C-alpha atoms as a PDB file:
ATOM      1  CA  UNK A   1      -0.761 -12.200 -62.231  1.00  0.00           C
ATOM      2  CA  UNK A   2       0.017 -10.708 -65.625  1.00  0.00           C
ATOM      3  CA  UNK A   3      -1.571  -7.384 -66.473  1.00  0.00           C
ATOM      4  CA  UNK A   4      -4.293  -7.973 -69.091  1.00  0.00           C
ATOM      5  CA  UNK A   5      -3.193  -4.922 -71.084  1.00  0.00           C
ATOM      6  CA  UNK A   6       0.603  -5.177 -71.055  1.00  0.00           C
ATOM      7  CA  UNK A   7       0.890  -8.928 -70.540  1.00  0.00           C
ATOM      8  CA  UNK A   8       3.596  -8.311 -67.950  1.00  0.00           C
ATOM      9  CA  UNK A   9       3.537  -8.702 -64.187  1.00  0.00           C
ATOM     10  CA  UNK A  10       2.697  -5.514 -62.280  1.00  0.00           C
ATOM     11  CA  UNK A  11       1.871  -3.628 -65.472  1.00  0.00           C
ATOM     12  CA  UNK A  12       5.419  -3.807 -66.777  1.00  0.00           C
ATOM     13  CA  UNK A  13       6.986  -2.074 -63.789  1.00  0.00           C
ATOM     14  CA  UNK A  14      10.345  -3.245 -62.475  1.00  0.00           C
ATOM     15  CA  UNK A  15       9.724  -4.704 -58.978  1.00  0.00           C
ATOM     16  CA  UNK A  16      13.321  -4.063 -57.911  1.00  0.00           C
ATOM     17  CA  UNK A  17      12.974  -0.345 -58.723  1.00  0.00           C
ATOM     18  CA  UNK A  18      10.602   0.113 -55.778  1.00  0.00           C
ATOM     19  CA  UNK A  19      13.498  -0.789 -53.468  1.00  0.00           C
ATOM     20  CA  UNK A  20      16.441   0.688 -55.417  1.00  0.00           C
ATOM     21  CA  UNK A  21      14.841   3.893 -56.719  1.00  0.00           C
ATOM     22  CA  UNK A  22      12.067   4.289 -54.136  1.00  0.00           C
ATOM     23  CA  UNK A  23       9.418   4.369 -56.866  1.00  0.00           C
ATOM     24  CA  UNK A  24       8.026   2.277 -59.702  1.00  0.00           C
ATOM     25  CA  UNK A  25       9.841   2.461 -63.036  1.00  0.00           C
ATOM     26  CA  UNK A  26       8.765   0.924 -66.317  1.00  0.00           C
ATOM     27  CA  UNK A  27      10.871  -2.037 -67.334  1.00  0.00           C
ATOM     28  CA  UNK A  28      12.536  -2.550 -70.695  1.00  0.00           C
ATOM     29  CA  UNK A  29      11.499  -5.540 -72.823  1.00  0.00           C
ATOM     30  CA  UNK A  30      15.185  -6.267 -73.379  1.00  0.00           C
ATOM     31  CA  UNK A  31      15.298  -7.467 -69.754  1.00  0.00           C
ATOM     32  CA  UNK A  32      12.581 -10.116 -69.394  1.00  0.00           C
ATOM     33  CA  UNK A  33      12.416 -12.871 -66.805  1.00  0.00           C
ATOM     34  CA  UNK A  34       9.712 -15.515 -66.338  1.00  0.00           C
ATOM     35  CA  UNK A  35       8.700 -16.332 -62.766  1.00  0.00           C
ATOM     36  CA  UNK A  36       5.508 -17.104 -60.881  1.00  0.00           C
ATOM     37  CA  UNK A  37       3.445 -17.699 -64.004  1.00  0.00           C
ATOM     38  CA  UNK A  38       4.202 -14.269 -65.466  1.00  0.00           C
ATOM     39  CA  UNK A  39       6.772 -12.333 -67.489  1.00  0.00           C
ATOM     40  CA  UNK A  40       8.558  -9.611 -65.537  1.00  0.00           C
ATOM     41  CA  UNK A  41      10.528  -6.778 -67.134  1.00  0.00           C
ATOM     42  CA  UNK A  42      13.323  -4.746 -65.588  1.00  0.00           C
ATOM     43  CA  UNK A  43      15.056  -1.402 -66.026  1.00  0.00           C
ATOM     44  CA  UNK A  44      18.458  -3.056 -66.413  1.00  0.00           C
ATOM     45  CA  UNK A  45      20.400  -6.328 -66.177  1.00  0.00           C
ATOM     46  CA  UNK A  46      21.380  -5.687 -62.552  1.00  0.00           C
ATOM     47  CA  UNK A  47      17.777  -5.426 -61.389  1.00  0.00           C
ATOM     48  CA  UNK A  48      16.859  -8.534 -63.362  1.00  0.00           C
ATOM     49  CA  UNK A  49      19.759 -10.465 -61.809  1.00  0.00           C
ATOM     50  CA  UNK A  50      18.757  -9.347 -58.296  1.00  0.00           C
ATOM     51  CA  UNK A  51      15.195 -10.515 -58.901  1.00  0.00           C
ATOM     52  CA  UNK A  52      16.356 -13.838 -60.374  1.00  0.00           C
ATOM     53  CA  UNK A  53      18.459 -14.509 -57.250  1.00  0.00           C
ATOM     54  CA  UNK A  54      15.593 -13.878 -54.826  1.00  0.00           C
ATOM     55  CA  UNK A  55      12.228 -13.201 -56.475  1.00  0.00           C
ATOM     56  CA  UNK A  56      10.273 -13.573 -53.229  1.00  0.00           C
ATOM     57  CA  UNK A  57      12.090 -10.541 -51.812  1.00  0.00           C
ATOM     58  CA  UNK A  58      11.062  -8.285 -54.705  1.00  0.00           C
ATOM     59  CA  UNK A  59       7.783  -9.611 -56.080  1.00  0.00           C
ATOM     60  CA  UNK A  60       4.707  -8.022 -54.539  1.00  0.00           C
ATOM     61  CA  UNK A  61       3.328  -9.841 -51.553  1.00  0.00           C
ATOM     62  CA  UNK A  62      -0.060 -11.366 -52.377  1.00  0.00           C
ATOM     63  CA  UNK A  63       0.734 -11.628 -56.134  1.00  0.00           C
ATOM     64  CA  UNK A  64      -0.201  -7.983 -56.619  1.00  0.00           C
ATOM     65  CA  UNK A  65      -3.650  -8.196 -55.031  1.00  0.00           C
ATOM     66  CA  UNK A  66      -4.650  -5.352 -52.723  1.00  0.00           C
ATOM     67  CA  UNK A  67      -3.375  -5.961 -49.203  1.00  0.00           C
ATOM     68  CA  UNK A  68      -6.224  -4.303 -47.335  1.00  0.00           C
ATOM     69  CA  UNK A  69      -8.943  -6.077 -49.313  1.00  0.00           C
ATOM     70  CA  UNK A  70      -7.243  -9.389 -48.570  1.00  0.00           C
ATOM     71  CA  UNK A  71      -7.269  -8.621 -44.872  1.00  0.00           C
ATOM     72  CA  UNK A  72     -11.050  -8.228 -45.240  1.00  0.00           C
ATOM     73  CA  UNK A  73     -11.292 -11.587 -47.025  1.00  0.00           C
ATOM     74  CA  UNK A  74     -11.658 -10.678 -50.693  1.00  0.00           C
ATOM     75  CA  UNK A  75      -9.402  -9.969 -53.672  1.00  0.00           C
ATOM     76  CA  UNK A  76      -9.011  -6.694 -55.551  1.00  0.00           C
ATOM     77  CA  UNK A  77      -6.348  -5.778 -58.063  1.00  0.00           C
ATOM     78  CA  UNK A  78      -3.588  -3.764 -56.444  1.00  0.00           C
ATOM     79  CA  UNK A  79      -2.423  -0.579 -58.132  1.00  0.00           C
ATOM     80  CA  UNK A  80       1.356  -0.489 -58.744  1.00  0.00           C
ATOM     81  CA  UNK A  81       1.312   3.257 -57.991  1.00  0.00           C
ATOM     82  CA  UNK A  82      -0.347   2.830 -54.576  1.00  0.00           C
ATOM     83  CA  UNK A  83       2.072   0.768 -52.527  1.00  0.00           C
ATOM     84  CA  UNK A  84       4.029   0.408 -49.322  1.00  0.00           C
ATOM     85  CA  UNK A  85       6.929  -1.718 -48.197  1.00  0.00           C
ATOM     86  CA  UNK A  86       5.577  -3.734 -45.283  1.00  0.00           C
ATOM     87  CA  UNK A  87       7.802  -6.136 -43.353  1.00  0.00           C
ATOM     88  CA  UNK A  88      10.368  -5.733 -46.130  1.00  0.00           C
ATOM     89  CA  UNK A  89       7.896  -6.748 -48.853  1.00  0.00           C
ATOM     90  CA  UNK A  90       6.151  -4.752 -51.535  1.00  0.00           C
ATOM     91  CA  UNK A  91       2.382  -4.524 -51.023  1.00  0.00           C
ATOM     92  CA  UNK A  92      -0.070  -2.957 -53.484  1.00  0.00           C
ATOM     93  CA  UNK A  93      -3.432  -1.414 -52.642  1.00  0.00           C
ATOM     94  CA  UNK A  94      -6.649  -0.616 -54.477  1.00  0.00           C
ATOM     95  CA  UNK A  95      -6.863   2.917 -53.060  1.00  0.00           C
ATOM     96  CA  UNK A  96      -4.905   5.380 -50.931  1.00  0.00           C
ATOM     97  CA  UNK A  97      -7.486   4.948 -48.163  1.00  0.00           C
ATOM     98  CA  UNK A  98      -6.881   1.183 -48.160  1.00  0.00           C
ATOM     99  CA  UNK A  99      -3.130   1.815 -48.044  1.00  0.00           C
ATOM    100  CA  UNK A 100      -3.523   4.105 -45.039  1.00  0.00           C
ATOM    101  CA  UNK A 101      -5.766   1.669 -43.151  1.00  0.00           C
ATOM    102  CA  UNK A 102      -3.393  -1.228 -43.810  1.00  0.00           C
ATOM    103  CA  UNK A 103      -0.226   0.633 -42.855  1.00  0.00           C
ATOM    104  CA  UNK A 104      -1.594   2.072 -39.596  1.00  0.00           C
ATOM    105  CA  UNK A 105      -2.961  -1.302 -38.497  1.00  0.00           C
ATOM    106  CA  UNK A 106       0.239  -3.118 -39.447  1.00  0.00           C
ATOM    107  CA  UNK A 107       0.855  -6.594 -38.116  1.00  0.00           C
ATOM    108  CA  UNK A 108      -2.768  -7.631 -37.530  1.00  0.00           C
ATOM    109  CA  UNK A 109      -3.844  -6.882 -41.090  1.00  0.00           C
ATOM    110  CA  UNK A 110      -0.737  -8.494 -42.621  1.00  0.00           C
ATOM    111  CA  UNK A 111      -1.577 -11.703 -40.754  1.00  0.00           C
ATOM    112  CA  UNK A 112      -5.222 -11.574 -41.855  1.00  0.00           C
ATOM    113  CA  UNK A 113      -4.209 -10.908 -45.472  1.00  0.00           C
ATOM    114  CA  UNK A 114      -1.744 -13.816 -45.418  1.00  0.00           C
ATOM    115  CA  UNK A 115      -4.419 -16.087 -43.985  1.00  0.00           C
ATOM    116  CA  UNK A 116      -6.807 -15.182 -46.835  1.00  0.00           C
ATOM    117  CA  UNK A 117      -4.359 -14.988 -49.763  1.00  0.00           C
ATOM    118  CA  UNK A 118      -4.348 -18.614 -50.873  1.00  0.00           C
ATOM    119  CA  UNK A 119      -8.102 -18.992 -50.353  1.00  0.00           C
ATOM    120  CA  UNK A 120      -8.862 -16.189 -52.823  1.00  0.00           C
ATOM    121  CA  UNK A 121      -6.045 -16.945 -55.267  1.00  0.00           C
ATOM    122  CA  UNK A 122      -3.602 -14.174 -54.426  1.00  0.00           C
ATOM    123  CA  UNK A 123      -0.393 -16.206 -54.413  1.00  0.00           C
ATOM    124  CA  UNK A 124       2.197 -16.522 -57.208  1.00  0.00           C
ATOM    125  CA  UNK A 125       2.045 -19.599 -59.381  1.00  0.00           C
ATOM    126  CA  UNK A 126       5.032 -21.873 -58.679  1.00  0.00           C
END
């Protein structure tokens, strides 16, 4: 889902930077890539190329919706600064409390969130 303010996916943050740099970094408009119904921007060409090769590995699970809320059956916007890498995928959360509850309950909540994601519209557009 594009951010309503920036127009870019995940608020203009480079999704690959979470894995390469261990933190979110703002992308540069010189490195834009369209995928999943949104424009994504990247720190550099290398990150953009990595994303283009395998966007499902780098794009946030649940299209950026909050993972814990999804496990409860409803959608909230995830915050790109409150995140975890769960089962090798980037997951955003609405609050640090939601992040904690999701991470400590692991596999059960991931399954519940996956089960609810398409029902509430938290999947990337293909």
